[in-house]
């Protein structure tokens, strides 16, 4: 089961938080701007004693492919 919690569009960070429930695991996606807000999300969410894992990533359209691409590395190499 997965739920998405979005307060505003185009936030910088994405956290996927998995909780243990009586029905199995429950996954929540949160989008937020400041990494310092993560603790508030966890404190406000379901009981943190049932937290299985929290995965935080940059909320990028390309899933980081452009950042880690060979083409980008070549462009940076040529600029030196």
PDB file of N, CA and C in Angstrom:
ATOM      1  N   UNK A   1       0.838  -1.170   0.000  1.00  0.00           N
ATOM      2  CA  UNK A   1       0.000   0.000   0.000  1.00  0.00           C
ATOM      3  C   UNK A   1       0.884   1.234   0.000  1.00  0.00           C
ATOM      4  N   UNK A   2       0.579   2.213  -0.838  1.00  0.00           N
ATOM      5  CA  UNK A   2       1.403   3.405  -0.938  1.00  0.00           C
ATOM      6  C   UNK A   2       0.522   4.645  -0.942  1.00  0.00           C
ATOM      7  N   UNK A   3       0.932   5.638  -0.193  1.00  0.00           N
ATOM      8  CA  UNK A   3       0.228   6.903  -0.161  1.00  0.00           C
ATOM      9  C   UNK A   3       1.237   8.009  -0.430  1.00  0.00           C
ATOM     10  N   UNK A   4       0.786   9.066  -1.111  1.00  0.00           N
ATOM     11  CA  UNK A   4       1.650  10.190  -1.421  1.00  0.00           C
ATOM     12  C   UNK A   4       1.139  11.404  -0.671  1.00  0.00           C
ATOM     13  N   UNK A   5       2.023  12.073   0.051  1.00  0.00           N
ATOM     14  CA  UNK A   5       1.675  13.286   0.773  1.00  0.00           C
ATOM     15  C   UNK A   5       2.439  14.427   0.131  1.00  0.00           C
ATOM     16  N   UNK A   6       1.739  15.323  -0.545  1.00  0.00           N
ATOM     17  CA  UNK A   6       2.371  16.450  -1.223  1.00  0.00           C
ATOM     18  C   UNK A   6       1.726  17.737  -0.720  1.00  0.00           C
ATOM     19  N   UNK A   7       2.506  18.594  -0.085  1.00  0.00           N
ATOM     20  CA  UNK A   7       1.978  19.859   0.389  1.00  0.00           C
ATOM     21  C   UNK A   7       2.059  20.928  -0.689  1.00  0.00           C
ATOM     22  N   UNK A   8       3.143  20.972  -1.417  1.00  0.00           N
ATOM     23  CA  UNK A   8       3.355  21.945  -2.476  1.00  0.00           C
ATOM     24  C   UNK A   8       4.096  21.260  -3.611  1.00  0.00           C
ATOM     25  N   UNK A   9       3.972  21.804  -4.793  1.00  0.00           N
ATOM     26  CA  UNK A   9       4.623  21.199  -5.963  1.00  0.00           C
ATOM     27  C   UNK A   9       6.122  21.501  -5.987  1.00  0.00           C
ATOM     28  N   UNK A  10       6.843  20.666  -6.684  1.00  0.00           N
ATOM     29  CA  UNK A  10       8.266  20.875  -6.972  1.00  0.00           C
ATOM     30  C   UNK A  10       9.142  21.061  -5.738  1.00  0.00           C
ATOM     31  N   UNK A  11       9.000  20.192  -4.781  1.00  0.00           N
ATOM     32  CA  UNK A  11       9.861  20.237  -3.609  1.00  0.00           C
ATOM     33  C   UNK A  11      11.198  19.579  -3.907  1.00  0.00           C
ATOM     34  N   UNK A  12      12.217  19.956  -3.185  1.00  0.00           N
ATOM     35  CA  UNK A  12      13.581  19.495  -3.446  1.00  0.00           C
ATOM     36  C   UNK A  12      13.822  18.054  -3.027  1.00  0.00           C
ATOM     37  N   UNK A  13      13.221  17.601  -1.946  1.00  0.00           N
ATOM     38  CA  UNK A  13      13.487  16.284  -1.392  1.00  0.00           C
ATOM     39  C   UNK A  13      12.270  15.381  -1.459  1.00  0.00           C
ATOM     40  N   UNK A  14      12.528  14.082  -1.536  1.00  0.00           N
ATOM     41  CA  UNK A  14      11.478  13.071  -1.490  1.00  0.00           C
ATOM     42  C   UNK A  14      11.898  12.041  -0.447  1.00  0.00           C
ATOM     43  N   UNK A  15      10.976  11.726   0.466  1.00  0.00           N
ATOM     44  CA  UNK A  15      11.226  10.685   1.463  1.00  0.00           C
ATOM     45  C   UNK A  15      10.157   9.613   1.304  1.00  0.00           C
ATOM     46  N   UNK A  16      10.593   8.375   1.203  1.00  0.00           N
ATOM     47  CA  UNK A  16       9.679   7.238   1.196  1.00  0.00           C
ATOM     48  C   UNK A  16       9.870   6.546   2.537  1.00  0.00           C
ATOM     49  N   UNK A  17       8.805   6.536   3.332  1.00  0.00           N
ATOM     50  CA  UNK A  17       8.876   6.001   4.687  1.00  0.00           C
ATOM     51  C   UNK A  17       7.979   4.776   4.770  1.00  0.00           C
ATOM     52  N   UNK A  18       8.558   3.659   5.163  1.00  0.00           N
ATOM     53  CA  UNK A  18       7.821   2.403   5.303  1.00  0.00           C
ATOM     54  C   UNK A  18       7.549   2.143   6.770  1.00  0.00           C
ATOM     55  N   UNK A  19       6.277   1.822   7.059  1.00  0.00           N
ATOM     56  CA  UNK A  19       5.845   1.507   8.416  1.00  0.00           C
ATOM     57  C   UNK A  19       5.269   0.104   8.467  1.00  0.00           C
ATOM     58  N   UNK A  20       5.401  -0.530   9.604  1.00  0.00           N
ATOM     59  CA  UNK A  20       4.799  -1.834   9.855  1.00  0.00           C
ATOM     60  C   UNK A  20       3.382  -1.603  10.370  1.00  0.00           C
ATOM     61  N   UNK A  21       2.379  -2.303   9.790  1.00  0.00           N
ATOM     62  CA  UNK A  21       0.992  -2.213  10.246  1.00  0.00           C
ATOM     63  C   UNK A  21       0.449  -3.627  10.445  1.00  0.00           C
ATOM     64  N   UNK A  22      -0.755  -3.720  10.970  1.00  0.00           N
ATOM     65  CA  UNK A  22      -1.391  -5.026  11.149  1.00  0.00           C
ATOM     66  C   UNK A  22      -1.676  -5.690   9.806  1.00  0.00           C
ATOM     67  N   UNK A  23      -1.887  -4.884   8.766  1.00  0.00           N
ATOM     68  CA  UNK A  23      -2.175  -5.418   7.434  1.00  0.00           C
ATOM     69  C   UNK A  23      -0.913  -5.671   6.612  1.00  0.00           C
ATOM     70  N   UNK A  24       0.235  -5.383   7.143  1.00  0.00           N
ATOM     71  CA  UNK A  24       1.493  -5.497   6.407  1.00  0.00           C
ATOM     72  C   UNK A  24       2.208  -4.157   6.410  1.00  0.00           C
ATOM     73  N   UNK A  25       3.093  -3.964   5.465  1.00  0.00           N
ATOM     74  CA  UNK A  25       3.820  -2.698   5.438  1.00  0.00           C
ATOM     75  C   UNK A  25       3.000  -1.626   4.716  1.00  0.00           C
ATOM     76  N   UNK A  26       3.243  -0.390   5.114  1.00  0.00           N
ATOM     77  CA  UNK A  26       2.575   0.770   4.528  1.00  0.00           C
ATOM     78  C   UNK A  26       3.663   1.752   4.137  1.00  0.00           C
ATOM     79  N   UNK A  27       3.617   2.219   2.899  1.00  0.00           N
ATOM     80  CA  UNK A  27       4.630   3.127   2.384  1.00  0.00           C
ATOM     81  C   UNK A  27       4.015   4.501   2.154  1.00  0.00           C
ATOM     82  N   UNK A  28       4.673   5.536   2.693  1.00  0.00           N
ATOM     83  CA  UNK A  28       4.227   6.915   2.503  1.00  0.00           C
ATOM     84  C   UNK A  28       5.314   7.697   1.790  1.00  0.00           C
ATOM     85  N   UNK A  29       4.937   8.482   0.788  1.00  0.00           N
ATOM     86  CA  UNK A  29       5.870   9.370   0.096  1.00  0.00           C
ATOM     87  C   UNK A  29       5.596  10.792   0.553  1.00  0.00           C
ATOM     88  N   UNK A  30       6.661  11.489   0.932  1.00  0.00           N
ATOM     89  CA  UNK A  30       6.553  12.886   1.367  1.00  0.00           C
ATOM     90  C   UNK A  30       7.497  13.718   0.502  1.00  0.00           C
ATOM     91  N   UNK A  31       7.040  14.888   0.109  1.00  0.00           N
ATOM     92  CA  UNK A  31       7.855  15.835  -0.640  1.00  0.00           C
ATOM     93  C   UNK A  31       8.016  17.090   0.204  1.00  0.00           C
ATOM     94  N   UNK A  32       9.265  17.579   0.337  1.00  0.00           N
ATOM     95  CA  UNK A  32       9.508  18.727   1.199  1.00  0.00           C
ATOM     96  C   UNK A  32      10.724  19.487   0.700  1.00  0.00           C
ATOM     97  N   UNK A  33      10.845  20.730   1.118  1.00  0.00           N
ATOM     98  CA  UNK A  33      11.892  21.616   0.618  1.00  0.00           C
ATOM     99  C   UNK A  33      13.177  21.542   1.429  1.00  0.00           C
ATOM    100  N   UNK A  34      13.076  21.581   2.741  1.00  0.00           N
ATOM    101  CA  UNK A  34      14.262  21.608   3.594  1.00  0.00           C
ATOM    102  C   UNK A  34      14.461  20.267   4.289  1.00  0.00           C
ATOM    103  N   UNK A  35      15.666  19.733   4.228  1.00  0.00           N
ATOM    104  CA  UNK A  35      15.952  18.436   4.834  1.00  0.00           C
ATOM    105  C   UNK A  35      15.691  18.477   6.349  1.00  0.00           C
ATOM    106  N   UNK A  36      15.802  19.648   6.939  1.00  0.00           N
ATOM    107  CA  UNK A  36      15.548  19.794   8.376  1.00  0.00           C
ATOM    108  C   UNK A  36      14.084  19.505   8.725  1.00  0.00           C
ATOM    109  N   UNK A  37      13.190  19.540   7.743  1.00  0.00           N
ATOM    110  CA  UNK A  37      11.768  19.259   7.978  1.00  0.00           C
ATOM    111  C   UNK A  37      11.470  17.771   8.121  1.00  0.00           C
ATOM    112  N   UNK A  38      12.424  16.923   7.779  1.00  0.00           N
ATOM    113  CA  UNK A  38      12.182  15.481   7.819  1.00  0.00           C
ATOM    114  C   UNK A  38      11.789  15.002   9.211  1.00  0.00           C
ATOM    115  N   UNK A  39      12.432  15.527  10.236  1.00  0.00           N
ATOM    116  CA  UNK A  39      12.089  15.070  11.587  1.00  0.00           C
ATOM    117  C   UNK A  39      10.646  15.404  11.941  1.00  0.00           C
ATOM    118  N   UNK A  40      10.133  16.533  11.459  1.00  0.00           N
ATOM    119  CA  UNK A  40       8.733  16.891  11.717  1.00  0.00           C
ATOM    120  C   UNK A  40       7.781  15.938  11.007  1.00  0.00           C
ATOM    121  N   UNK A  41       8.145  15.542   9.799  1.00  0.00           N
ATOM    122  CA  UNK A  41       7.327  14.595   9.037  1.00  0.00           C
ATOM    123  C   UNK A  41       7.247  13.267   9.780  1.00  0.00           C
ATOM    124  N   UNK A  42       8.386  12.790  10.260  1.00  0.00           N
ATOM    125  CA  UNK A  42       8.410  11.512  10.979  1.00  0.00           C
ATOM    126  C   UNK A  42       7.659  11.627  12.301  1.00  0.00           C
ATOM    127  N   UNK A  43       7.855  12.702  13.030  1.00  0.00           N
ATOM    128  CA  UNK A  43       7.163  12.885  14.308  1.00  0.00           C
ATOM    129  C   UNK A  43       5.652  13.002  14.118  1.00  0.00           C
ATOM    130  N   UNK A  44       5.221  13.623  13.039  1.00  0.00           N
ATOM    131  CA  UNK A  44       3.793  13.841  12.787  1.00  0.00           C
ATOM    132  C   UNK A  44       3.114  12.608  12.203  1.00  0.00           C
ATOM    133  N   UNK A  45       3.882  11.746  11.567  1.00  0.00           N
ATOM    134  CA  UNK A  45       3.327  10.587  10.864  1.00  0.00           C
ATOM    135  C   UNK A  45       2.863   9.498  11.807  1.00  0.00           C
ATOM    136  N   UNK A  46       2.660   8.319  11.269  1.00  0.00           N
ATOM    137  CA  UNK A  46       2.334   7.176  12.134  1.00  0.00           C
ATOM    138  C   UNK A  46       3.418   6.997  13.195  1.00  0.00           C
ATOM    139  N   UNK A  47       3.116   6.251  14.200  1.00  0.00           N
ATOM    140  CA  UNK A  47       4.032   6.013  15.318  1.00  0.00           C
ATOM    141  C   UNK A  47       5.413   5.589  14.804  1.00  0.00           C
ATOM    142  N   UNK A  48       6.429   6.367  15.151  1.00  0.00           N
ATOM    143  CA  UNK A  48       7.773   6.088  14.635  1.00  0.00           C
ATOM    144  C   UNK A  48       8.335   4.780  15.166  1.00  0.00           C
ATOM    145  N   UNK A  49       7.731   4.210  16.201  1.00  0.00           N
ATOM    146  CA  UNK A  49       8.174   2.907  16.692  1.00  0.00           C
ATOM    147  C   UNK A  49       7.912   1.798  15.668  1.00  0.00           C
ATOM    148  N   UNK A  50       7.026   2.067  14.703  1.00  0.00           N
ATOM    149  CA  UNK A  50       6.712   1.083  13.671  1.00  0.00           C
ATOM    150  C   UNK A  50       7.426   1.371  12.357  1.00  0.00           C
ATOM    151  N   UNK A  51       8.344   2.320  12.371  1.00  0.00           N
ATOM    152  CA  UNK A  51       9.093   2.683  11.176  1.00  0.00           C
ATOM    153  C   UNK A  51      10.038   1.550  10.782  1.00  0.00           C
ATOM    154  N   UNK A  52       9.965   1.141   9.523  1.00  0.00           N
ATOM    155  CA  UNK A  52      10.851   0.094   9.009  1.00  0.00           C
ATOM    156  C   UNK A  52      12.085   0.736   8.385  1.00  0.00           C
ATOM    157  N   UNK A  53      11.845   1.712   7.499  1.00  0.00           N
ATOM    158  CA  UNK A  53      12.960   2.392   6.828  1.00  0.00           C
ATOM    159  C   UNK A  53      12.487   3.728   6.281  1.00  0.00           C
ATOM    160  N   UNK A  54      13.439   4.625   6.080  1.00  0.00           N
ATOM    161  CA  UNK A  54      13.184   5.927   5.481  1.00  0.00           C
ATOM    162  C   UNK A  54      14.262   6.159   4.431  1.00  0.00           C
ATOM    163  N   UNK A  55      13.831   6.330   3.184  1.00  0.00           N
ATOM    164  CA  UNK A  55      14.765   6.555   2.088  1.00  0.00           C
ATOM    165  C   UNK A  55      14.563   7.974   1.568  1.00  0.00           C
ATOM    166  N   UNK A  56      15.616   8.778   1.621  1.00  0.00           N
ATOM    167  CA  UNK A  56      15.540  10.169   1.196  1.00  0.00           C
ATOM    168  C   UNK A  56      16.356  10.334  -0.079  1.00  0.00           C
ATOM    169  N   UNK A  57      15.737  10.956  -1.083  1.00  0.00           N
ATOM    170  CA  UNK A  57      16.420  11.222  -2.348  1.00  0.00           C
ATOM    171  C   UNK A  57      16.090  12.630  -2.811  1.00  0.00           C
ATOM    172  N   UNK A  58      16.920  13.146  -3.703  1.00  0.00           N
ATOM    173  CA  UNK A  58      16.581  14.401  -4.356  1.00  0.00           C
ATOM    174  C   UNK A  58      15.379  14.154  -5.252  1.00  0.00           C
ATOM    175  N   UNK A  59      14.438  15.064  -5.256  1.00  0.00           N
ATOM    176  CA  UNK A  59      13.245  14.952  -6.081  1.00  0.00           C
ATOM    177  C   UNK A  59      13.565  15.503  -7.467  1.00  0.00           C
ATOM    178  N   UNK A  60      14.105  14.642  -8.310  1.00  0.00           N
ATOM    179  CA  UNK A  60      14.529  15.052  -9.656  1.00  0.00           C
ATOM    180  C   UNK A  60      13.690  14.334 -10.698  1.00  0.00           C
ATOM    181  N   UNK A  61      13.363  15.055 -11.754  1.00  0.00           N
ATOM    182  CA  UNK A  61      12.594  14.468 -12.852  1.00  0.00           C
ATOM    183  C   UNK A  61      13.364  13.344 -13.530  1.00  0.00           C
ATOM    184  N   UNK A  62      14.699  13.467 -13.584  1.00  0.00           N
ATOM    185  CA  UNK A  62      15.516  12.476 -14.288  1.00  0.00           C
ATOM    186  C   UNK A  62      16.064  11.404 -13.350  1.00  0.00           C
ATOM    187  N   UNK A  63      15.613  11.389 -12.111  1.00  0.00           N
ATOM    188  CA  UNK A  63      16.096  10.431 -11.106  1.00  0.00           C
ATOM    189  C   UNK A  63      17.609  10.465 -10.947  1.00  0.00           C
ATOM    190  N   UNK A  64      18.227  11.613 -11.222  1.00  0.00           N
ATOM    191  CA  UNK A  64      19.661  11.765 -11.052  1.00  0.00           C
ATOM    192  C   UNK A  64      20.482  11.342 -12.248  1.00  0.00           C
ATOM    193  N   UNK A  65      19.834  10.900 -13.326  1.00  0.00           N
ATOM    194  CA  UNK A  65      20.589  10.421 -14.486  1.00  0.00           C
ATOM    195  C   UNK A  65      21.465  11.507 -15.086  1.00  0.00           C
ATOM    196  N   UNK A  66      20.941  12.720 -15.227  1.00  0.00           N
ATOM    197  CA  UNK A  66      21.731  13.812 -15.803  1.00  0.00           C
ATOM    198  C   UNK A  66      22.912  14.137 -14.905  1.00  0.00           C
ATOM    199  N   UNK A  67      22.690  14.129 -13.606  1.00  0.00           N
ATOM    200  CA  UNK A  67      23.749  14.447 -12.657  1.00  0.00           C
ATOM    201  C   UNK A  67      24.894  13.452 -12.761  1.00  0.00           C
ATOM    202  N   UNK A  68      24.587  12.199 -13.010  1.00  0.00           N
ATOM    203  CA  UNK A  68      25.602  11.150 -13.015  1.00  0.00           C
ATOM    204  C   UNK A  68      25.962  10.666 -14.416  1.00  0.00           C
ATOM    205  N   UNK A  69      25.537  11.401 -15.429  1.00  0.00           N
ATOM    206  CA  UNK A  69      25.715  10.919 -16.793  1.00  0.00           C
ATOM    207  C   UNK A  69      27.157  11.064 -17.280  1.00  0.00           C
ATOM    208  N   UNK A  70      27.501  10.243 -18.238  1.00  0.00           N
ATOM    209  CA  UNK A  70      28.813  10.301 -18.870  1.00  0.00           C
ATOM    210  C   UNK A  70      28.957  11.614 -19.627  1.00  0.00           C
ATOM    211  N   UNK A  71      27.859  12.051 -20.262  1.00  0.00           N
ATOM    212  CA  UNK A  71      27.898  13.303 -21.022  1.00  0.00           C
ATOM    213  C   UNK A  71      28.246  14.492 -20.122  1.00  0.00           C
ATOM    214  N   UNK A  72      27.675  14.512 -18.934  1.00  0.00           N
ATOM    215  CA  UNK A  72      27.975  15.599 -18.008  1.00  0.00           C
ATOM    216  C   UNK A  72      29.440  15.539 -17.583  1.00  0.00           C
ATOM    217  N   UNK A  73      29.944  14.358 -17.314  1.00  0.00           N
ATOM    218  CA  UNK A  73      31.351  14.212 -16.924  1.00  0.00           C
ATOM    219  C   UNK A  73      32.268  14.705 -18.041  1.00  0.00           C
ATOM    220  N   UNK A  74      31.919  14.383 -19.281  1.00  0.00           N
ATOM    221  CA  UNK A  74      32.730  14.841 -20.410  1.00  0.00           C
ATOM    222  C   UNK A  74      32.689  16.361 -20.544  1.00  0.00           C
ATOM    223  N   UNK A  75      31.515  16.962 -20.350  1.00  0.00           N
ATOM    224  CA  UNK A  75      31.408  18.431 -20.417  1.00  0.00           C
ATOM    225  C   UNK A  75      32.268  19.078 -19.340  1.00  0.00           C
ATOM    226  N   UNK A  76      32.244  18.516 -18.138  1.00  0.00           N
ATOM    227  CA  UNK A  76      33.041  19.083 -17.052  1.00  0.00           C
ATOM    228  C   UNK A  76      34.523  18.900 -17.341  1.00  0.00           C
ATOM    229  N   UNK A  77      34.888  17.774 -17.913  1.00  0.00           N
ATOM    230  CA  UNK A  77      36.300  17.516 -18.233  1.00  0.00           C
ATOM    231  C   UNK A  77      36.799  18.515 -19.262  1.00  0.00           C
ATOM    232  N   UNK A  78      35.961  18.820 -20.261  1.00  0.00           N
ATOM    233  CA  UNK A  78      36.342  19.768 -21.317  1.00  0.00           C
ATOM    234  C   UNK A  78      36.425  21.198 -20.807  1.00  0.00           C
ATOM    235  N   UNK A  79      35.697  21.518 -19.735  1.00  0.00           N
ATOM    236  CA  UNK A  79      35.672  22.903 -19.250  1.00  0.00           C
ATOM    237  C   UNK A  79      36.909  23.250 -18.440  1.00  0.00           C
ATOM    238  N   UNK A  80      37.739  22.271 -18.079  1.00  0.00           N
ATOM    239  CA  UNK A  80      38.944  22.557 -17.284  1.00  0.00           C
ATOM    240  C   UNK A  80      40.108  22.928 -18.144  1.00  0.00           C
TER     241      UNK A  80
END
